[in-house]
């Protein structure tokens, strides 16, 4: 005899009371180059740690926060960090059971009411705050009815009256547009993502994540290098100039790619090398240079440079370097393998796009000058 199928209400209760979103804990030491984000997290920590006092004193607090920025900027990692250090229960509500039709979740206002009611019940029973997490909230709210969004607003407005420890934490690729007085129809016309749900008192904490500058990129390179064997004295500050508007994830995977390059070179040179030696193969500055340069060049052509072409392009780039230094511009000189439109590039702090233009010619020019050192 088959068991009767559980109702949606029973599945919802089980989700809140029995399920826990699994994630890898994150410490502050594991987050590199984002020191400016930590002070902005203070209101979130205070709300989660002192929610009983705030509710008892009837103090106005925000019911949620949204971490905004392009993919790969560390938003989800910071969400995991918040969950790790606050000790709050952490639930990804995208898995909250609701009616499904043709593989699509059909959220209803009653589901939002059930979500908040069950979360509040759990928080009071366990004397512990609960974080309801939504990754890519812009997509989530684009795909739900306006009545569902309105119900989120109603539930958020009732926080103080119920004295719950619920906090909503979202990530989004877009910064929400805040609307205070427009009607629902106007709200949707102004911004598919945003509106009155994201005003102060509701999801009112907005933390933007922007791409790292050179200094932050250098810290990210150094931090991610510490996850791998590497040679001493790698010039992370100089290497940061080779990356074109990277995200934190771009840097992380570029360093990992340099690690793979070092291991492949070792295995190609000696097929009988032991696994232990391969595992201890260090990343060198040359490996990082090769990988980083490949991220800013056009696709490499199949032609090769003649010795004369190598010399001419190197002299051309050296001219850029000398002029930059004479003008007081910190320049990082590189004449590098050719791309479809680029023979060489001279990087500077002020302008990373001074390029030698010419016909595609070669992929073997390896003259590089970085911080006083030359690689030929």
Protein backbone atom coordinates (compact mmCIF):
# COMPACT_ATOMS: atom_id res chain seq x y z
CA UNK A 1 0.00 0.00 0.00
CA UNK A 2 1.40 3.37 -1.02
CA UNK A 3 1.65 6.16 1.50
CA UNK A 4 -0.66 9.11 1.02
CA UNK A 5 1.06 12.10 -0.52
CA UNK A 6 1.90 14.83 1.99
CA UNK A 7 0.06 18.10 1.66
CA UNK A 8 1.88 21.27 0.68
CA UNK A 9 1.27 22.62 4.21
CA UNK A 10 2.94 19.55 5.76
CA UNK A 11 5.90 19.87 3.40
CA UNK A 12 6.22 23.57 4.26
CA UNK A 13 6.30 22.83 7.99
CA UNK A 14 8.90 20.12 7.47
CA UNK A 15 11.01 22.52 5.39
CA UNK A 16 11.18 25.10 8.20
CA UNK A 17 11.50 22.70 11.11
CA UNK A 18 13.59 19.87 9.74
CA UNK A 19 15.57 21.14 6.77
CA UNK A 20 18.66 23.31 6.99
CA UNK A 21 20.42 24.78 3.98
CA UNK A 22 23.91 23.31 3.86
CA UNK A 23 26.77 25.66 3.06
CA UNK A 24 30.50 25.81 3.60
CA UNK A 25 31.24 28.14 6.55
CA UNK A 26 33.26 31.26 5.75
CA UNK A 27 35.60 33.17 8.06
CA UNK A 28 36.73 36.77 7.69
CA UNK A 29 40.25 35.58 6.90
CA UNK A 30 38.94 33.80 3.80
CA UNK A 31 37.60 37.02 2.26
CA UNK A 32 40.24 39.09 0.50
CA UNK A 33 40.26 42.63 -0.85
CA UNK A 34 36.77 43.56 0.40
CA UNK A 35 37.48 45.35 3.68
CA UNK A 36 35.11 48.15 2.67
CA UNK A 37 32.16 45.73 2.79
CA UNK A 38 32.55 44.65 6.43
CA UNK A 39 31.49 47.98 8.05
CA UNK A 40 28.34 47.94 5.92
CA UNK A 41 27.38 44.60 7.47
CA UNK A 42 27.22 46.06 10.99
CA UNK A 43 23.47 46.86 10.89
CA UNK A 44 22.73 43.28 9.82
CA UNK A 45 24.74 41.83 12.71
CA UNK A 46 23.12 44.19 15.21
CA UNK A 47 19.60 43.32 14.03
CA UNK A 48 20.29 39.58 14.28
CA UNK A 49 22.08 39.78 17.63
CA UNK A 50 19.73 42.25 19.36
CA UNK A 51 16.39 41.50 17.73
CA UNK A 52 14.73 40.73 21.07
CA UNK A 53 15.70 44.14 22.47
CA UNK A 54 14.64 45.99 19.32
CA UNK A 55 11.25 44.31 19.31
CA UNK A 56 10.72 44.70 23.06
CA UNK A 57 11.46 48.44 22.81
CA UNK A 58 9.37 48.71 19.62
CA UNK A 59 12.36 50.20 17.76
CA UNK A 60 12.10 50.49 13.97
CA UNK A 61 14.46 48.12 12.17
CA UNK A 62 14.96 46.96 8.61
CA UNK A 63 13.59 43.53 7.91
CA UNK A 64 16.15 42.59 5.33
CA UNK A 65 19.18 43.41 3.20
CA UNK A 66 20.14 42.98 -0.44
CA UNK A 67 23.72 42.49 -1.65
CA UNK A 68 23.91 43.95 -5.17
CA UNK A 69 26.50 43.54 -7.90
CA UNK A 70 27.70 41.70 -10.99
CA UNK A 71 28.30 37.94 -10.90
CA UNK A 72 31.51 36.81 -9.27
CA UNK A 73 31.78 39.75 -6.87
CA UNK A 74 31.51 37.72 -3.65
CA UNK A 75 27.86 38.36 -2.75
CA UNK A 76 27.04 34.74 -1.98
CA UNK A 77 30.27 34.31 -0.05
CA UNK A 78 29.33 37.27 2.15
CA UNK A 79 25.87 35.75 2.65
CA UNK A 80 27.59 32.58 3.87
CA UNK A 81 29.85 34.70 6.08
CA UNK A 82 26.82 36.38 7.67
CA UNK A 83 25.25 32.98 8.33
CA UNK A 84 28.54 31.59 9.68
CA UNK A 85 29.29 34.21 12.31
CA UNK A 86 25.80 35.13 13.52
CA UNK A 87 24.72 31.60 14.36
CA UNK A 88 21.32 32.29 12.82
CA UNK A 89 19.39 29.51 11.13
CA UNK A 90 19.96 29.92 7.39
CA UNK A 91 17.33 28.80 4.88
CA UNK A 92 17.28 29.24 1.11
CA UNK A 93 13.58 29.83 0.53
CA UNK A 94 13.76 28.99 -3.17
CA UNK A 95 13.28 25.43 -1.96
CA UNK A 96 10.19 26.29 0.09
CA UNK A 97 7.44 23.89 -1.06
CA UNK A 98 4.74 25.57 -3.12
CA UNK A 99 2.45 24.34 -5.85
CA UNK A 100 4.34 23.40 -9.02
CA UNK A 101 2.84 23.37 -12.48
CA UNK A 102 4.82 22.36 -15.57
CA UNK A 103 8.01 22.52 -13.52
CA UNK A 104 7.38 26.12 -12.42
CA UNK A 105 6.85 27.20 -8.80
CA UNK A 106 3.52 28.98 -8.41
CA UNK A 107 3.97 31.16 -5.35
CA UNK A 108 0.73 32.45 -3.83
CA UNK A 109 0.20 35.07 -1.09
CA UNK A 110 -0.81 32.24 1.27
CA UNK A 111 2.63 30.66 0.76
CA UNK A 112 4.33 33.87 1.88
CA UNK A 113 2.07 33.98 4.95
CA UNK A 114 2.93 30.35 5.74
CA UNK A 115 6.65 31.02 5.27
CA UNK A 116 6.71 33.91 7.73
CA UNK A 117 4.37 32.24 10.20
CA UNK A 118 6.38 29.03 10.37
CA UNK A 119 9.69 30.92 10.53
CA UNK A 120 8.40 33.08 13.39
CA UNK A 121 7.16 30.00 15.22
CA UNK A 122 10.55 28.33 14.83
CA UNK A 123 12.45 31.44 15.98
CA UNK A 124 10.34 31.90 19.12
CA UNK A 125 10.47 28.19 19.99
CA UNK A 126 14.26 27.98 19.56
CA UNK A 127 15.09 31.48 20.81
CA UNK A 128 17.28 32.03 17.77
CA UNK A 129 17.08 34.31 14.70
CA UNK A 130 16.36 32.86 11.28
CA UNK A 131 17.68 34.20 7.95
CA UNK A 132 15.52 33.62 4.88
CA UNK A 133 17.88 33.74 1.91
CA UNK A 134 17.14 34.27 -1.80
CA UNK A 135 19.97 34.21 -4.34
CA UNK A 136 19.29 36.28 -7.49
CA UNK A 137 16.27 38.00 -5.97
CA UNK A 138 15.81 40.11 -9.12
CA UNK A 139 14.94 36.93 -11.05
CA UNK A 140 12.81 35.58 -8.22
CA UNK A 141 10.60 38.67 -8.00
CA UNK A 142 10.41 39.03 -11.77
CA UNK A 143 8.78 35.59 -11.84
CA UNK A 144 6.17 36.04 -9.09
CA UNK A 145 2.82 37.83 -9.19
CA UNK A 146 2.48 41.34 -7.84
CA UNK A 147 0.21 40.02 -5.09
CA UNK A 148 3.06 37.83 -3.82
CA UNK A 149 5.40 40.81 -3.62
CA UNK A 150 2.68 42.77 -1.78
CA UNK A 151 2.32 39.93 0.73
CA UNK A 152 6.08 40.11 1.42
CA UNK A 153 5.56 43.81 2.21
CA UNK A 154 2.65 43.04 4.54
CA UNK A 155 4.64 40.41 6.40
CA UNK A 156 7.66 42.70 6.73
CA UNK A 157 5.48 45.49 8.10
CA UNK A 158 4.24 43.13 10.81
CA UNK A 159 7.70 42.28 12.17
CA UNK A 160 7.60 44.55 15.25
CA UNK A 161 4.12 43.44 16.30
CA UNK A 162 5.05 39.76 16.30
CA UNK A 163 8.47 40.17 17.89
CA UNK A 164 10.08 37.63 15.56
CA UNK A 165 13.74 37.07 14.73
CA UNK A 166 13.21 36.82 10.97
CA UNK A 167 15.63 38.56 8.61
CA UNK A 168 15.52 38.45 4.79
CA UNK A 169 18.86 38.33 2.97
CA UNK A 170 18.89 38.66 -0.82
CA UNK A 171 21.51 38.88 -3.53
CA UNK A 172 20.87 40.62 -6.83
CA UNK A 173 22.72 41.58 -9.98
CA UNK A 174 20.77 44.85 -10.05
CA UNK A 175 20.45 47.61 -7.49
CA UNK A 176 16.77 47.80 -6.51
CA UNK A 177 14.91 50.97 -7.46
CA UNK A 178 13.03 52.26 -4.44
CA UNK A 179 9.48 53.55 -4.94
CA UNK A 180 7.50 55.07 -2.06
CA UNK A 181 4.14 56.33 -3.28
CA UNK A 182 3.35 54.92 -6.71
CA UNK A 183 0.59 52.42 -7.29
CA UNK A 184 1.38 48.78 -7.96
CA UNK A 185 0.96 49.23 -11.71
CA UNK A 186 3.27 52.25 -11.71
CA UNK A 187 5.71 50.37 -9.50
CA UNK A 188 6.02 47.55 -12.02
CA UNK A 189 6.36 50.02 -14.90
CA UNK A 190 9.18 51.91 -13.18
CA UNK A 191 11.24 48.88 -12.20
CA UNK A 192 10.60 45.14 -12.54
CA UNK A 193 13.03 44.71 -9.64
CA UNK A 194 12.56 47.01 -6.70
CA UNK A 195 9.63 49.16 -5.70
CA UNK A 196 8.26 49.72 -2.25
CA UNK A 197 9.37 46.27 -1.04
CA UNK A 198 12.92 47.63 -0.87
CA UNK A 199 12.32 50.88 0.98
CA UNK A 200 13.65 51.57 4.48
CA UNK A 201 11.90 49.56 7.15
CA UNK A 202 11.39 46.63 4.80
CA UNK A 203 14.37 45.34 2.82
CA UNK A 204 16.09 48.64 3.39
CA UNK A 205 19.78 47.75 3.67
CA UNK A 206 21.36 47.90 0.21
CA UNK A 207 25.04 46.96 -0.06
CA UNK A 208 26.64 47.48 -3.50
CA UNK A 209 29.49 45.24 -4.65
CA UNK A 210 31.76 46.87 -7.25
CA UNK A 211 34.70 45.43 -9.13
CA UNK A 212 37.97 45.66 -7.20
CA UNK A 213 40.49 48.39 -7.94
CA UNK A 214 44.20 47.67 -8.39
CA UNK A 215 44.95 47.66 -4.66
CA UNK A 216 42.07 45.31 -3.90
CA UNK A 217 43.00 43.11 -6.87
CA UNK A 218 46.53 42.79 -5.50
CA UNK A 219 45.14 41.67 -2.14
CA UNK A 220 42.89 39.17 -3.89
CA UNK A 221 45.83 37.75 -5.86
CA UNK A 222 47.89 37.42 -2.69
CA UNK A 223 45.00 35.87 -0.79
CA UNK A 224 44.16 33.30 -3.45
CA UNK A 225 47.86 32.48 -3.89
CA UNK A 226 47.94 31.45 -0.24
CA UNK A 227 45.55 28.64 -1.13
CA UNK A 228 48.24 27.08 -3.36
CA UNK A 229 51.97 26.33 -3.22
CA UNK A 230 53.80 29.30 -4.75
CA UNK A 231 57.23 30.82 -4.96
CA UNK A 232 58.20 33.67 -2.65
CA UNK A 233 58.43 37.28 -3.76
CA UNK A 234 55.65 37.30 -6.35
CA UNK A 235 54.89 40.94 -7.23
CA UNK A 236 51.13 40.93 -6.67
CA UNK A 237 50.88 44.73 -6.84
CA UNK A 238 52.42 44.76 -10.31
CA UNK A 239 50.52 41.72 -11.54
CA UNK A 240 47.22 43.40 -10.67
CA UNK A 241 47.82 45.82 -13.56
CA UNK A 242 47.52 42.97 -16.04
CA UNK A 243 43.89 42.25 -15.25
CA UNK A 244 41.17 44.08 -17.12
CA UNK A 245 38.23 44.96 -14.80
CA UNK A 246 38.28 41.59 -13.01
CA UNK A 247 35.77 40.29 -10.51
CA UNK A 248 36.92 38.46 -7.40
CA UNK A 249 35.90 35.20 -9.07
CA UNK A 250 37.95 36.09 -12.18
CA UNK A 251 41.06 36.46 -10.03
CA UNK A 252 40.37 33.30 -8.04
CA UNK A 253 40.06 31.16 -11.15
CA UNK A 254 42.98 32.84 -12.92
CA UNK A 255 45.23 31.92 -9.98
CA UNK A 256 43.84 28.38 -10.08
CA UNK A 257 44.54 28.29 -13.83
CA UNK A 258 48.15 29.32 -13.17
CA UNK A 259 48.38 26.44 -10.72
CA UNK A 260 47.13 24.02 -13.38
CA UNK A 261 49.61 25.45 -15.89
CA UNK A 262 52.50 24.80 -13.48
CA UNK A 263 51.36 21.22 -12.92
CA UNK A 264 50.84 20.53 -16.63
CA UNK A 265 54.33 21.79 -17.44
CA UNK A 266 55.81 19.47 -14.83
CA UNK A 267 53.89 16.42 -16.07
CA UNK A 268 54.68 17.17 -19.73
CA UNK A 269 58.38 17.40 -18.87
CA UNK A 270 58.39 14.17 -16.84
CA UNK A 271 55.53 11.70 -17.23
CA UNK A 272 56.87 9.57 -14.37
CA UNK A 273 56.77 12.33 -11.79
CA UNK A 274 55.05 11.29 -8.56
CA UNK A 275 51.64 12.59 -7.54
CA UNK A 276 53.15 14.06 -4.40
CA UNK A 277 55.64 16.16 -6.38
CA UNK A 278 52.87 17.36 -8.71
CA UNK A 279 50.76 18.35 -5.70
CA UNK A 280 53.64 20.44 -4.33
CA UNK A 281 54.46 22.17 -7.62
CA UNK A 282 54.57 25.91 -6.91
CA UNK A 283 53.02 28.69 -8.94
CA UNK A 284 55.69 31.05 -10.23
CA UNK A 285 55.42 34.64 -11.34
CA UNK A 286 55.87 33.51 -14.94
CA UNK A 287 52.82 31.23 -14.72
CA UNK A 288 50.70 34.08 -13.39
CA UNK A 289 51.95 36.45 -16.09
CA UNK A 290 51.08 34.00 -18.86
CA UNK A 291 47.57 33.40 -17.53
CA UNK A 292 46.84 37.04 -16.67
CA UNK A 293 48.00 38.27 -20.06
CA UNK A 294 45.77 35.76 -21.81
CA UNK A 295 42.80 37.41 -20.07
CA UNK A 296 43.42 40.83 -21.63
CA UNK A 297 44.54 39.85 -25.15
CA UNK A 298 42.55 39.17 -28.25
CA UNK A 299 42.45 35.63 -29.56
CA UNK A 300 45.96 34.64 -30.65
CA UNK A 301 46.55 34.14 -34.36
CA UNK A 302 48.36 31.17 -35.78
CA UNK A 303 51.22 33.17 -37.33
CA UNK A 304 54.63 33.59 -35.72
CA UNK A 305 56.85 36.59 -35.23
CA UNK A 306 60.13 36.93 -37.03
CA UNK A 307 63.09 38.12 -34.98
CA UNK A 308 62.84 41.52 -36.71
CA UNK A 309 59.15 41.85 -35.82
CA UNK A 310 59.86 40.94 -32.22
CA UNK A 311 62.52 43.63 -32.04
CA UNK A 312 60.37 46.32 -33.69
CA UNK A 313 57.36 45.75 -31.44
CA UNK A 314 59.55 45.60 -28.34
CA UNK A 315 61.16 48.94 -29.24
CA UNK A 316 57.73 50.43 -29.96
CA UNK A 317 56.43 49.39 -26.54
CA UNK A 318 59.63 50.57 -24.87
CA UNK A 319 58.88 54.01 -26.36
CA UNK A 320 55.49 54.01 -24.60
CA UNK A 321 57.21 53.02 -21.38
CA UNK A 322 59.91 55.72 -21.55
CA UNK A 323 57.40 58.49 -22.35
CA UNK A 324 55.13 57.37 -19.52
CA UNK A 325 57.97 57.39 -17.03
CA UNK A 326 59.12 60.80 -18.26
CA UNK A 327 55.59 62.13 -17.65
CA UNK A 328 55.51 60.65 -14.15
CA UNK A 329 53.01 57.90 -15.02
CA UNK A 330 53.60 54.58 -13.32
CA UNK A 331 53.97 52.25 -16.29
CA UNK A 332 54.15 48.46 -16.43
CA UNK A 333 55.76 47.68 -19.76
CA UNK A 334 54.87 44.58 -21.72
CA UNK A 335 55.49 43.55 -25.28
CA UNK A 336 53.62 40.33 -25.55
CA UNK A 337 52.28 37.67 -27.90
CA UNK A 338 50.17 39.03 -30.68
CA UNK A 339 46.42 38.91 -30.98
CA UNK A 340 44.06 39.57 -33.85
CA UNK A 341 44.40 43.32 -33.42
CA UNK A 342 47.18 43.78 -30.88
CA UNK A 343 50.92 43.31 -31.27
CA UNK A 344 51.89 44.66 -27.86
CA UNK A 345 50.47 46.48 -24.88
CA UNK A 346 52.02 48.91 -22.40
CA UNK A 347 50.05 49.10 -19.17
CA UNK A 348 49.99 52.11 -16.89
CA UNK A 349 48.03 52.97 -13.77
CA UNK A 350 46.21 55.78 -15.57
CA UNK A 351 45.64 54.11 -18.92
CA UNK A 352 45.82 50.38 -19.40
CA UNK A 353 44.93 50.51 -23.06
CA UNK A 354 47.94 52.02 -24.84
CA UNK A 355 48.34 49.48 -27.61
CA UNK A 356 50.44 48.88 -30.68
CA UNK A 357 48.03 48.25 -33.55
CA UNK A 358 48.99 46.34 -36.63
CA UNK A 359 48.30 43.28 -38.73
CA UNK A 360 48.11 39.93 -36.94
CA UNK A 361 51.61 38.63 -36.65
CA UNK A 362 52.75 35.96 -34.31
CA UNK A 363 52.27 34.55 -30.89
CA UNK A 364 55.79 34.09 -29.59
CA UNK A 365 56.96 37.54 -28.45
CA UNK A 366 57.88 37.06 -24.82
CA UNK A 367 59.63 40.28 -23.81
CA UNK A 368 58.20 41.47 -20.50
CA UNK A 369 59.36 44.11 -18.04
CA UNK A 370 57.67 44.32 -14.67
CA UNK A 371 58.86 46.35 -11.71
CA UNK A 372 62.46 46.40 -12.91
CA UNK A 373 62.65 42.73 -13.86
CA UNK A 374 62.77 41.47 -17.44
CA UNK A 375 61.58 38.14 -18.80
CA UNK A 376 62.81 37.34 -22.32
